[in-house]
């Protein structure tokens, strides 16, 4: 088993770290929130007073942080973690951030002989708790082979997307498409409901037809259709609208930088931003149906 430092114990990081403890790894955690540290200590992890203290002697350093500036601040500079590590440690940043920062950290790590991968995740809080996340990894092939050994205890599908930054690009593409088909699914279900169709029956019809998609099959946005979906729990997260707006912003940056005319992605961002500004930022993103219904 490995010695693992886990930095960032939010809604995703907490259950991911817990799964590593349950898999038998020696896990030391760090977070700014004492309650999060206490929860992991109760699960069997050790806690540290700083990220550097957590990372000391670790085989793997895994981070799950809010934004690119937090990742850069954690790893780069004379007082960043990379300055304290050596080639015996593999660094896996599972945050969803801009690809440019992921590339910058990856390049700095490579220059120091440290294996680094950006490895953002897909699947949400439920998959994090169940250990069935999908990881989209950016980095070299040798580091990916090391990464798989530990990521397999937190996820079900582990992909090597390409060099550093590629994981972030893959995540942005995926979540842009997710936003688009969630909006489309909500519009289709509401159109059917207003014309007398039962949303559950209509969902079955579309699941057996060419309109089938993940939002219909796993995360139905119509209340009462899928018992365990956030829609049937007052759109409680889940994956918050605030996070979807953030991810769509990252996707727009990538599209602009690469000259892609992503009109549907832009419209999805506008709709989710309006939904957020209406006071729904903390609700699950499938609640975009409420905006459609208005």
C-alpha atoms as a PDB file:
ATOM      1  CA  UNK A   1       0.000   0.000   0.000  1.00  0.00           C
ATOM      2  CA  UNK A   2       1.093   3.573  -0.649  1.00  0.00           C
ATOM      3  CA  UNK A   3       1.740   6.605   1.520  1.00  0.00           C
ATOM      4  CA  UNK A   4      -0.654   9.251   0.206  1.00  0.00           C
ATOM      5  CA  UNK A   5      -1.041  12.968   0.932  1.00  0.00           C
ATOM      6  CA  UNK A   6      -4.504  14.286   0.066  1.00  0.00           C
ATOM      7  CA  UNK A   7      -5.008  18.054  -0.083  1.00  0.00           C
ATOM      8  CA  UNK A   8      -8.529  19.484  -0.349  1.00  0.00           C
ATOM      9  CA  UNK A   9     -11.422  17.694   1.361  1.00  0.00           C
ATOM     10  CA  UNK A  10     -14.513  19.292  -0.143  1.00  0.00           C
ATOM     11  CA  UNK A  11     -17.613  17.520  -1.444  1.00  0.00           C
ATOM     12  CA  UNK A  12     -15.481  15.495  -3.857  1.00  0.00           C
ATOM     13  CA  UNK A  13     -12.124  15.313  -2.111  1.00  0.00           C
ATOM     14  CA  UNK A  14     -13.521  14.059   1.179  1.00  0.00           C
ATOM     15  CA  UNK A  15     -15.087  10.853  -0.153  1.00  0.00           C
ATOM     16  CA  UNK A  16     -12.145  10.278  -2.509  1.00  0.00           C
ATOM     17  CA  UNK A  17      -9.715  10.387   0.414  1.00  0.00           C
ATOM     18  CA  UNK A  18     -12.018   8.144   2.431  1.00  0.00           C
ATOM     19  CA  UNK A  19     -11.934   5.523  -0.313  1.00  0.00           C
ATOM     20  CA  UNK A  20      -8.130   5.538  -0.217  1.00  0.00           C
ATOM     21  CA  UNK A  21      -8.215   4.931   3.543  1.00  0.00           C
ATOM     22  CA  UNK A  22     -10.681   2.082   3.059  1.00  0.00           C
ATOM     23  CA  UNK A  23      -8.403   0.579   0.398  1.00  0.00           C
ATOM     24  CA  UNK A  24      -5.680   0.304   3.027  1.00  0.00           C
ATOM     25  CA  UNK A  25      -3.411   3.201   2.085  1.00  0.00           C
ATOM     26  CA  UNK A  26      -1.580   5.322   4.659  1.00  0.00           C
ATOM     27  CA  UNK A  27      -3.379   8.630   4.066  1.00  0.00           C
ATOM     28  CA  UNK A  28      -2.456  12.029   5.521  1.00  0.00           C
ATOM     29  CA  UNK A  29      -4.878  14.853   4.749  1.00  0.00           C
ATOM     30  CA  UNK A  30      -4.826  18.632   4.793  1.00  0.00           C
ATOM     31  CA  UNK A  31      -7.655  21.132   4.469  1.00  0.00           C
ATOM     32  CA  UNK A  32      -8.408  24.595   5.799  1.00  0.00           C
ATOM     33  CA  UNK A  33     -11.680  23.379   7.341  1.00  0.00           C
ATOM     34  CA  UNK A  34     -11.230  21.595  10.659  1.00  0.00           C
ATOM     35  CA  UNK A  35     -14.546  19.722  10.349  1.00  0.00           C
ATOM     36  CA  UNK A  36     -13.343  18.143   7.107  1.00  0.00           C
ATOM     37  CA  UNK A  37     -10.111  17.027   8.785  1.00  0.00           C
ATOM     38  CA  UNK A  38     -12.055  15.585  11.700  1.00  0.00           C
ATOM     39  CA  UNK A  39     -14.273  13.573   9.383  1.00  0.00           C
ATOM     40  CA  UNK A  40     -11.227  11.990   7.726  1.00  0.00           C
ATOM     41  CA  UNK A  41      -9.532  11.326  11.051  1.00  0.00           C
ATOM     42  CA  UNK A  42     -12.675   9.476  12.103  1.00  0.00           C
ATOM     43  CA  UNK A  43     -12.399   7.445   8.893  1.00  0.00           C
ATOM     44  CA  UNK A  44      -8.833   6.425   9.747  1.00  0.00           C
ATOM     45  CA  UNK A  45      -6.623   9.061   8.104  1.00  0.00           C
ATOM     46  CA  UNK A  46      -3.966  11.196   9.756  1.00  0.00           C
ATOM     47  CA  UNK A  47      -4.122  14.981   9.445  1.00  0.00           C
ATOM     48  CA  UNK A  48      -1.391  17.573   8.974  1.00  0.00           C
ATOM     49  CA  UNK A  49      -1.060  21.245   9.853  1.00  0.00           C
ATOM     50  CA  UNK A  50       0.035  22.194   6.322  1.00  0.00           C
ATOM     51  CA  UNK A  51       0.143  20.840   2.782  1.00  0.00           C
ATOM     52  CA  UNK A  52       3.932  20.551   3.011  1.00  0.00           C
ATOM     53  CA  UNK A  53       3.690  18.543   6.209  1.00  0.00           C
ATOM     54  CA  UNK A  54       1.139  16.210   4.624  1.00  0.00           C
ATOM     55  CA  UNK A  55       3.321  15.696   1.544  1.00  0.00           C
ATOM     56  CA  UNK A  56       6.526  14.891   3.417  1.00  0.00           C
ATOM     57  CA  UNK A  57       7.678  11.404   2.420  1.00  0.00           C
ATOM     58  CA  UNK A  58       4.538  10.675   0.369  1.00  0.00           C
ATOM     59  CA  UNK A  59       4.528   8.299  -2.586  1.00  0.00           C
ATOM     60  CA  UNK A  60       1.571  10.220  -4.040  1.00  0.00           C
ATOM     61  CA  UNK A  61       0.353  13.766  -3.522  1.00  0.00           C
ATOM     62  CA  UNK A  62      -3.276  14.185  -4.628  1.00  0.00           C
ATOM     63  CA  UNK A  63      -5.043  17.539  -4.664  1.00  0.00           C
ATOM     64  CA  UNK A  64      -8.659  18.543  -5.205  1.00  0.00           C
ATOM     65  CA  UNK A  65      -8.775  22.349  -5.136  1.00  0.00           C
ATOM     66  CA  UNK A  66     -11.304  24.994  -6.258  1.00  0.00           C
ATOM     67  CA  UNK A  67      -9.481  26.857  -9.050  1.00  0.00           C
ATOM     68  CA  UNK A  68      -6.272  27.294 -10.991  1.00  0.00           C
ATOM     69  CA  UNK A  69      -4.904  29.984  -8.665  1.00  0.00           C
ATOM     70  CA  UNK A  70      -5.164  27.578  -5.732  1.00  0.00           C
ATOM     71  CA  UNK A  71      -3.340  24.854  -7.644  1.00  0.00           C
ATOM     72  CA  UNK A  72      -0.590  27.239  -8.760  1.00  0.00           C
ATOM     73  CA  UNK A  73      -0.256  28.617  -5.227  1.00  0.00           C
ATOM     74  CA  UNK A  74      -0.001  25.115  -3.776  1.00  0.00           C
ATOM     75  CA  UNK A  75       2.624  23.740  -6.150  1.00  0.00           C
ATOM     76  CA  UNK A  76       4.661  26.578  -7.670  1.00  0.00           C
ATOM     77  CA  UNK A  77       7.278  28.957  -6.306  1.00  0.00           C
ATOM     78  CA  UNK A  78      10.029  28.662  -3.747  1.00  0.00           C
ATOM     79  CA  UNK A  79       7.509  27.783  -1.038  1.00  0.00           C
ATOM     80  CA  UNK A  80       5.345  25.527  -3.237  1.00  0.00           C
ATOM     81  CA  UNK A  81       5.106  21.775  -2.833  1.00  0.00           C
ATOM     82  CA  UNK A  82       7.173  20.969  -5.917  1.00  0.00           C
ATOM     83  CA  UNK A  83      10.176  22.615  -4.244  1.00  0.00           C
ATOM     84  CA  UNK A  84       9.869  20.141  -1.356  1.00  0.00           C
ATOM     85  CA  UNK A  85       9.395  16.940  -3.402  1.00  0.00           C
ATOM     86  CA  UNK A  86      11.655  14.700  -5.462  1.00  0.00           C
ATOM     87  CA  UNK A  87      11.314  12.068  -8.177  1.00  0.00           C
ATOM     88  CA  UNK A  88      10.052   9.443  -5.745  1.00  0.00           C
ATOM     89  CA  UNK A  89       6.715  11.247  -5.463  1.00  0.00           C
ATOM     90  CA  UNK A  90       3.943  11.266  -8.086  1.00  0.00           C
ATOM     91  CA  UNK A  91       1.690  14.340  -8.086  1.00  0.00           C
ATOM     92  CA  UNK A  92      -1.926  14.024  -9.213  1.00  0.00           C
ATOM     93  CA  UNK A  93      -4.038  17.167  -9.356  1.00  0.00           C
ATOM     94  CA  UNK A  94      -7.685  16.164  -9.624  1.00  0.00           C
ATOM     95  CA  UNK A  95      -8.998  19.747  -9.573  1.00  0.00           C
ATOM     96  CA  UNK A  96     -10.992  21.115 -12.497  1.00  0.00           C
ATOM     97  CA  UNK A  97      -8.981  24.157 -13.594  1.00  0.00           C
ATOM     98  CA  UNK A  98      -7.806  25.967 -16.724  1.00  0.00           C
ATOM     99  CA  UNK A  99      -5.573  23.941 -19.013  1.00  0.00           C
ATOM    100  CA  UNK A 100      -2.884  26.654 -19.051  1.00  0.00           C
ATOM    101  CA  UNK A 101      -2.262  26.348 -15.304  1.00  0.00           C
ATOM    102  CA  UNK A 102      -2.201  22.552 -15.541  1.00  0.00           C
ATOM    103  CA  UNK A 103       0.435  22.811 -18.280  1.00  0.00           C
ATOM    104  CA  UNK A 104       2.454  25.309 -16.227  1.00  0.00           C
ATOM    105  CA  UNK A 105       2.517  23.064 -13.169  1.00  0.00           C
ATOM    106  CA  UNK A 106       3.242  20.030 -15.339  1.00  0.00           C
ATOM    107  CA  UNK A 107       6.195  21.756 -16.993  1.00  0.00           C
ATOM    108  CA  UNK A 108       7.585  22.901 -13.630  1.00  0.00           C
ATOM    109  CA  UNK A 109       7.284  19.357 -12.256  1.00  0.00           C
ATOM    110  CA  UNK A 110       8.985  17.866 -15.319  1.00  0.00           C
ATOM    111  CA  UNK A 111      11.882  20.302 -14.955  1.00  0.00           C
ATOM    112  CA  UNK A 112      12.342  19.045 -11.386  1.00  0.00           C
ATOM    113  CA  UNK A 113      12.098  15.383 -12.368  1.00  0.00           C
ATOM    114  CA  UNK A 114       8.737  14.933 -10.636  1.00  0.00           C
ATOM    115  CA  UNK A 115       5.927  12.949 -12.255  1.00  0.00           C
ATOM    116  CA  UNK A 116       2.783  15.062 -12.589  1.00  0.00           C
ATOM    117  CA  UNK A 117      -0.662  14.503 -14.037  1.00  0.00           C
ATOM    118  CA  UNK A 118      -3.710  16.716 -14.212  1.00  0.00           C
ATOM    119  CA  UNK A 119      -6.488  14.223 -13.547  1.00  0.00           C
ATOM    120  CA  UNK A 120      -9.897  15.926 -13.298  1.00  0.00           C
ATOM    121  CA  UNK A 121     -12.871  13.719 -12.572  1.00  0.00           C
ATOM    122  CA  UNK A 122     -16.392  13.101 -13.799  1.00  0.00           C
ATOM    123  CA  UNK A 123     -19.275  11.449 -12.006  1.00  0.00           C
ATOM    124  CA  UNK A 124     -20.210  13.794  -9.189  1.00  0.00           C
ATOM    125  CA  UNK A 125     -20.466  13.318  -5.442  1.00  0.00           C
ATOM    126  CA  UNK A 126     -22.285   9.980  -5.668  1.00  0.00           C
ATOM    127  CA  UNK A 127     -19.537   8.475  -7.827  1.00  0.00           C
ATOM    128  CA  UNK A 128     -16.868   9.936  -5.550  1.00  0.00           C
ATOM    129  CA  UNK A 129     -18.475   8.189  -2.583  1.00  0.00           C
ATOM    130  CA  UNK A 130     -18.943   4.934  -4.497  1.00  0.00           C
ATOM    131  CA  UNK A 131     -15.405   4.941  -5.914  1.00  0.00           C
ATOM    132  CA  UNK A 132     -16.673   4.884  -9.489  1.00  0.00           C
ATOM    133  CA  UNK A 133     -15.324   8.188 -10.809  1.00  0.00           C
ATOM    134  CA  UNK A 134     -13.908   8.644 -14.289  1.00  0.00           C
ATOM    135  CA  UNK A 135     -10.421  10.201 -14.393  1.00  0.00           C
ATOM    136  CA  UNK A 136      -9.180  12.122 -17.438  1.00  0.00           C
ATOM    137  CA  UNK A 137      -5.402  12.254 -17.159  1.00  0.00           C
ATOM    138  CA  UNK A 138      -2.846  14.543 -18.781  1.00  0.00           C
ATOM    139  CA  UNK A 139       0.865  13.735 -18.512  1.00  0.00           C
ATOM    140  CA  UNK A 140       3.505  11.307 -19.774  1.00  0.00           C
ATOM    141  CA  UNK A 141       2.953   7.576 -20.184  1.00  0.00           C
ATOM    142  CA  UNK A 142       5.257   6.510 -17.336  1.00  0.00           C
ATOM    143  CA  UNK A 143       3.493   8.754 -14.839  1.00  0.00           C
ATOM    144  CA  UNK A 144       0.128   7.494 -16.071  1.00  0.00           C
ATOM    145  CA  UNK A 145       1.141   3.911 -15.257  1.00  0.00           C
ATOM    146  CA  UNK A 146       1.977   4.971 -11.687  1.00  0.00           C
ATOM    147  CA  UNK A 147      -1.178   7.062 -11.449  1.00  0.00           C
ATOM    148  CA  UNK A 148      -3.442   4.164 -12.391  1.00  0.00           C
ATOM    149  CA  UNK A 149      -2.295   2.187  -9.358  1.00  0.00           C
ATOM    150  CA  UNK A 150      -3.795   4.718  -6.952  1.00  0.00           C
ATOM    151  CA  UNK A 151      -6.625   6.138  -9.078  1.00  0.00           C
ATOM    152  CA  UNK A 152      -8.123   2.654  -9.377  1.00  0.00           C
ATOM    153  CA  UNK A 153      -9.046   2.856  -5.690  1.00  0.00           C
ATOM    154  CA  UNK A 154     -11.149   5.965  -6.354  1.00  0.00           C
ATOM    155  CA  UNK A 155     -12.502   5.404  -9.846  1.00  0.00           C
ATOM    156  CA  UNK A 156     -13.813   2.944 -12.372  1.00  0.00           C
ATOM    157  CA  UNK A 157     -12.662   4.466 -15.669  1.00  0.00           C
ATOM    158  CA  UNK A 158      -9.158   5.914 -16.023  1.00  0.00           C
ATOM    159  CA  UNK A 159      -8.175   7.529 -19.335  1.00  0.00           C
ATOM    160  CA  UNK A 160      -4.867   8.895 -20.596  1.00  0.00           C
ATOM    161  CA  UNK A 161      -5.945  11.906 -22.654  1.00  0.00           C
ATOM    162  CA  UNK A 162      -2.454  13.097 -23.653  1.00  0.00           C
ATOM    163  CA  UNK A 163       0.279  15.405 -22.298  1.00  0.00           C
ATOM    164  CA  UNK A 164      -0.112  17.743 -19.320  1.00  0.00           C
ATOM    165  CA  UNK A 165      -3.245  19.876 -19.646  1.00  0.00           C
ATOM    166  CA  UNK A 166      -5.059  17.294 -21.769  1.00  0.00           C
ATOM    167  CA  UNK A 167      -7.121  16.064 -18.844  1.00  0.00           C
ATOM    168  CA  UNK A 168      -8.506  19.567 -18.354  1.00  0.00           C
ATOM    169  CA  UNK A 169      -9.363  19.880 -22.036  1.00  0.00           C
ATOM    170  CA  UNK A 170     -11.162  16.523 -21.968  1.00  0.00           C
ATOM    171  CA  UNK A 171     -13.106  17.552 -18.839  1.00  0.00           C
ATOM    172  CA  UNK A 172     -14.135  20.864 -20.418  1.00  0.00           C
ATOM    173  CA  UNK A 173     -15.363  19.086 -23.554  1.00  0.00           C
ATOM    174  CA  UNK A 174     -17.325  16.575 -21.491  1.00  0.00           C
ATOM    175  CA  UNK A 175     -18.995  19.106 -19.219  1.00  0.00           C
ATOM    176  CA  UNK A 176     -19.890  21.438 -22.061  1.00  0.00           C
ATOM    177  CA  UNK A 177     -21.667  18.526 -23.749  1.00  0.00           C
ATOM    178  CA  UNK A 178     -23.273  17.556 -20.428  1.00  0.00           C
ATOM    179  CA  UNK A 179     -24.723  21.054 -20.020  1.00  0.00           C
ATOM    180  CA  UNK A 180     -26.057  21.051 -23.559  1.00  0.00           C
ATOM    181  CA  UNK A 181     -27.800  17.692 -23.350  1.00  0.00           C
ATOM    182  CA  UNK A 182     -29.198  18.411 -19.879  1.00  0.00           C
ATOM    183  CA  UNK A 183     -30.850  21.570 -21.211  1.00  0.00           C
ATOM    184  CA  UNK A 184     -32.132  19.698 -24.267  1.00  0.00           C
ATOM    185  CA  UNK A 185     -33.455  16.869 -22.115  1.00  0.00           C
ATOM    186  CA  UNK A 186     -35.303  19.334 -19.870  1.00  0.00           C
ATOM    187  CA  UNK A 187     -36.830  21.110 -22.860  1.00  0.00           C
ATOM    188  CA  UNK A 188     -38.005  17.833 -24.413  1.00  0.00           C
ATOM    189  CA  UNK A 189     -39.556  16.554 -21.181  1.00  0.00           C
ATOM    190  CA  UNK A 190     -41.319  19.838 -20.484  1.00  0.00           C
ATOM    191  CA  UNK A 191     -42.648  20.035 -24.042  1.00  0.00           C
ATOM    192  CA  UNK A 192     -44.076  16.534 -23.664  1.00  0.00           C
ATOM    193  CA  UNK A 193     -45.565  17.263 -20.238  1.00  0.00           C
ATOM    194  CA  UNK A 194     -47.346  20.385 -21.485  1.00  0.00           C
ATOM    195  CA  UNK A 195     -48.921  18.283 -24.194  1.00  0.00           C
ATOM    196  CA  UNK A 196     -50.292  15.666 -21.820  1.00  0.00           C
ATOM    197  CA  UNK A 197     -47.461  13.114 -21.799  1.00  0.00           C
ATOM    198  CA  UNK A 198     -46.274  11.495 -18.591  1.00  0.00           C
ATOM    199  CA  UNK A 199     -42.592  12.529 -18.189  1.00  0.00           C
ATOM    200  CA  UNK A 200     -41.706   9.025 -16.995  1.00  0.00           C
ATOM    201  CA  UNK A 201     -43.291   7.385 -20.035  1.00  0.00           C
ATOM    202  CA  UNK A 202     -41.719   9.946 -22.363  1.00  0.00           C
ATOM    203  CA  UNK A 203     -38.347   9.237 -20.757  1.00  0.00           C
ATOM    204  CA  UNK A 204     -38.773   5.530 -21.475  1.00  0.00           C
ATOM    205  CA  UNK A 205     -39.679   6.294 -25.091  1.00  0.00           C
ATOM    206  CA  UNK A 206     -36.642   8.506 -25.631  1.00  0.00           C
ATOM    207  CA  UNK A 207     -34.333   6.058 -23.842  1.00  0.00           C
ATOM    208  CA  UNK A 208     -35.371   3.422 -26.368  1.00  0.00           C
ATOM    209  CA  UNK A 209     -34.980   5.878 -29.260  1.00  0.00           C
ATOM    210  CA  UNK A 210     -32.354   8.111 -30.815  1.00  0.00           C
ATOM    211  CA  UNK A 211     -32.722  10.795 -28.134  1.00  0.00           C
ATOM    212  CA  UNK A 212     -31.139   8.543 -25.491  1.00  0.00           C
ATOM    213  CA  UNK A 213     -28.489  10.288 -23.381  1.00  0.00           C
ATOM    214  CA  UNK A 214     -26.882  10.239 -19.915  1.00  0.00           C
ATOM    215  CA  UNK A 215     -29.219  12.893 -18.491  1.00  0.00           C
ATOM    216  CA  UNK A 216     -32.230  10.726 -19.314  1.00  0.00           C
ATOM    217  CA  UNK A 217     -30.677   7.445 -18.265  1.00  0.00           C
ATOM    218  CA  UNK A 218     -28.834   8.354 -15.065  1.00  0.00           C
ATOM    219  CA  UNK A 219     -29.804  11.875 -13.947  1.00  0.00           C
ATOM    220  CA  UNK A 220     -33.335  12.590 -15.105  1.00  0.00           C
ATOM    221  CA  UNK A 221     -34.140  16.282 -14.471  1.00  0.00           C
ATOM    222  CA  UNK A 222     -37.913  15.821 -14.071  1.00  0.00           C
ATOM    223  CA  UNK A 223     -39.089  15.435 -10.439  1.00  0.00           C
ATOM    224  CA  UNK A 224     -40.490  12.010  -9.575  1.00  0.00           C
ATOM    225  CA  UNK A 225     -39.194  10.191 -12.647  1.00  0.00           C
ATOM    226  CA  UNK A 226     -36.011   8.860 -11.042  1.00  0.00           C
ATOM    227  CA  UNK A 227     -36.177   8.306  -7.296  1.00  0.00           C
ATOM    228  CA  UNK A 228     -32.475   8.809  -6.531  1.00  0.00           C
ATOM    229  CA  UNK A 229     -31.862  11.753  -8.878  1.00  0.00           C
ATOM    230  CA  UNK A 230     -31.466  15.262  -7.374  1.00  0.00           C
ATOM    231  CA  UNK A 231     -34.641  16.308  -9.220  1.00  0.00           C
ATOM    232  CA  UNK A 232     -36.613  14.116  -6.828  1.00  0.00           C
ATOM    233  CA  UNK A 233     -34.917  15.744  -3.822  1.00  0.00           C
ATOM    234  CA  UNK A 234     -35.620  19.430  -4.537  1.00  0.00           C
ATOM    235  CA  UNK A 235     -32.505  19.584  -6.749  1.00  0.00           C
ATOM    236  CA  UNK A 236     -30.123  19.122  -3.855  1.00  0.00           C
ATOM    237  CA  UNK A 237     -26.518  18.594  -5.030  1.00  0.00           C
ATOM    238  CA  UNK A 238     -25.426  16.706  -6.853  1.00  0.00           C
ATOM    239  CA  UNK A 239     -23.347  18.961  -9.035  1.00  0.00           C
ATOM    240  CA  UNK A 240     -24.085  22.576  -8.260  1.00  0.00           C
ATOM    241  CA  UNK A 241     -25.022  25.194 -10.849  1.00  0.00           C
ATOM    242  CA  UNK A 242     -22.112  27.291  -9.543  1.00  0.00           C
ATOM    243  CA  UNK A 243     -19.708  24.539 -10.592  1.00  0.00           C
ATOM    244  CA  UNK A 244     -21.337  24.081 -13.989  1.00  0.00           C
ATOM    245  CA  UNK A 245     -20.997  27.816 -14.677  1.00  0.00           C
ATOM    246  CA  UNK A 246     -17.325  27.607 -13.694  1.00  0.00           C
ATOM    247  CA  UNK A 247     -16.728  24.619 -15.987  1.00  0.00           C
ATOM    248  CA  UNK A 248     -18.543  26.247 -18.895  1.00  0.00           C
ATOM    249  CA  UNK A 249     -16.324  29.302 -18.438  1.00  0.00           C
ATOM    250  CA  UNK A 250     -13.256  27.067 -18.734  1.00  0.00           C
ATOM    251  CA  UNK A 251     -14.737  25.490 -21.864  1.00  0.00           C
ATOM    252  CA  UNK A 252     -15.313  28.931 -23.405  1.00  0.00           C
ATOM    253  CA  UNK A 253     -11.655  29.827 -22.774  1.00  0.00           C
ATOM    254  CA  UNK A 254     -10.474  26.684 -24.549  1.00  0.00           C
ATOM    255  CA  UNK A 255     -12.876  27.220 -27.459  1.00  0.00           C
ATOM    256  CA  UNK A 256     -11.746  30.814 -27.906  1.00  0.00           C
ATOM    257  CA  UNK A 257      -8.058  29.917 -27.718  1.00  0.00           C
ATOM    258  CA  UNK A 258      -8.488  27.179 -30.312  1.00  0.00           C
ATOM    259  CA  UNK A 259     -10.833  29.073 -32.642  1.00  0.00           C
ATOM    260  CA  UNK A 260     -13.869  26.817 -32.195  1.00  0.00           C
ATOM    261  CA  UNK A 261     -17.290  28.336 -32.861  1.00  0.00           C
ATOM    262  CA  UNK A 262     -19.156  26.621 -30.031  1.00  0.00           C
ATOM    263  CA  UNK A 263     -22.509  28.362 -30.304  1.00  0.00           C
ATOM    264  CA  UNK A 264     -24.358  25.692 -28.312  1.00  0.00           C
ATOM    265  CA  UNK A 265     -21.774  25.819 -25.534  1.00  0.00           C
ATOM    266  CA  UNK A 266     -22.054  29.597 -25.385  1.00  0.00           C
ATOM    267  CA  UNK A 267     -25.839  29.408 -25.149  1.00  0.00           C
ATOM    268  CA  UNK A 268     -25.598  26.783 -22.407  1.00  0.00           C
ATOM    269  CA  UNK A 269     -23.310  29.085 -20.449  1.00  0.00           C
ATOM    270  CA  UNK A 270     -25.734  31.997 -20.844  1.00  0.00           C
ATOM    271  CA  UNK A 271     -28.669  29.896 -19.627  1.00  0.00           C
ATOM    272  CA  UNK A 272     -26.816  28.455 -16.647  1.00  0.00           C
ATOM    273  CA  UNK A 273     -25.427  31.880 -15.713  1.00  0.00           C
ATOM    274  CA  UNK A 274     -28.954  33.337 -15.744  1.00  0.00           C
ATOM    275  CA  UNK A 275     -30.153  30.388 -13.622  1.00  0.00           C
ATOM    276  CA  UNK A 276     -27.303  31.033 -11.190  1.00  0.00           C
ATOM    277  CA  UNK A 277     -28.047  34.751 -10.992  1.00  0.00           C
ATOM    278  CA  UNK A 278     -31.668  33.944 -10.174  1.00  0.00           C
ATOM    279  CA  UNK A 279     -30.450  32.508  -6.875  1.00  0.00           C
ATOM    280  CA  UNK A 280     -30.049  28.860  -7.861  1.00  0.00           C
ATOM    281  CA  UNK A 281     -26.272  28.530  -7.733  1.00  0.00           C
ATOM    282  CA  UNK A 282     -26.287  26.027  -4.862  1.00  0.00           C
ATOM    283  CA  UNK A 283     -28.881  23.767  -6.486  1.00  0.00           C
ATOM    284  CA  UNK A 284     -28.089  20.831  -8.732  1.00  0.00           C
ATOM    285  CA  UNK A 285     -27.493  21.682 -12.384  1.00  0.00           C
ATOM    286  CA  UNK A 286     -30.415  19.463 -13.479  1.00  0.00           C
ATOM    287  CA  UNK A 287     -32.626  22.147 -11.922  1.00  0.00           C
ATOM    288  CA  UNK A 288     -32.248  24.106 -15.177  1.00  0.00           C
ATOM    289  CA  UNK A 289     -35.664  22.504 -15.792  1.00  0.00           C
ATOM    290  CA  UNK A 290     -37.123  25.111 -13.419  1.00  0.00           C
ATOM    291  CA  UNK A 291     -35.950  27.876 -15.737  1.00  0.00           C
ATOM    292  CA  UNK A 292     -37.436  26.066 -18.725  1.00  0.00           C
ATOM    293  CA  UNK A 293     -40.756  25.688 -16.896  1.00  0.00           C
ATOM    294  CA  UNK A 294     -40.933  29.442 -16.302  1.00  0.00           C
END
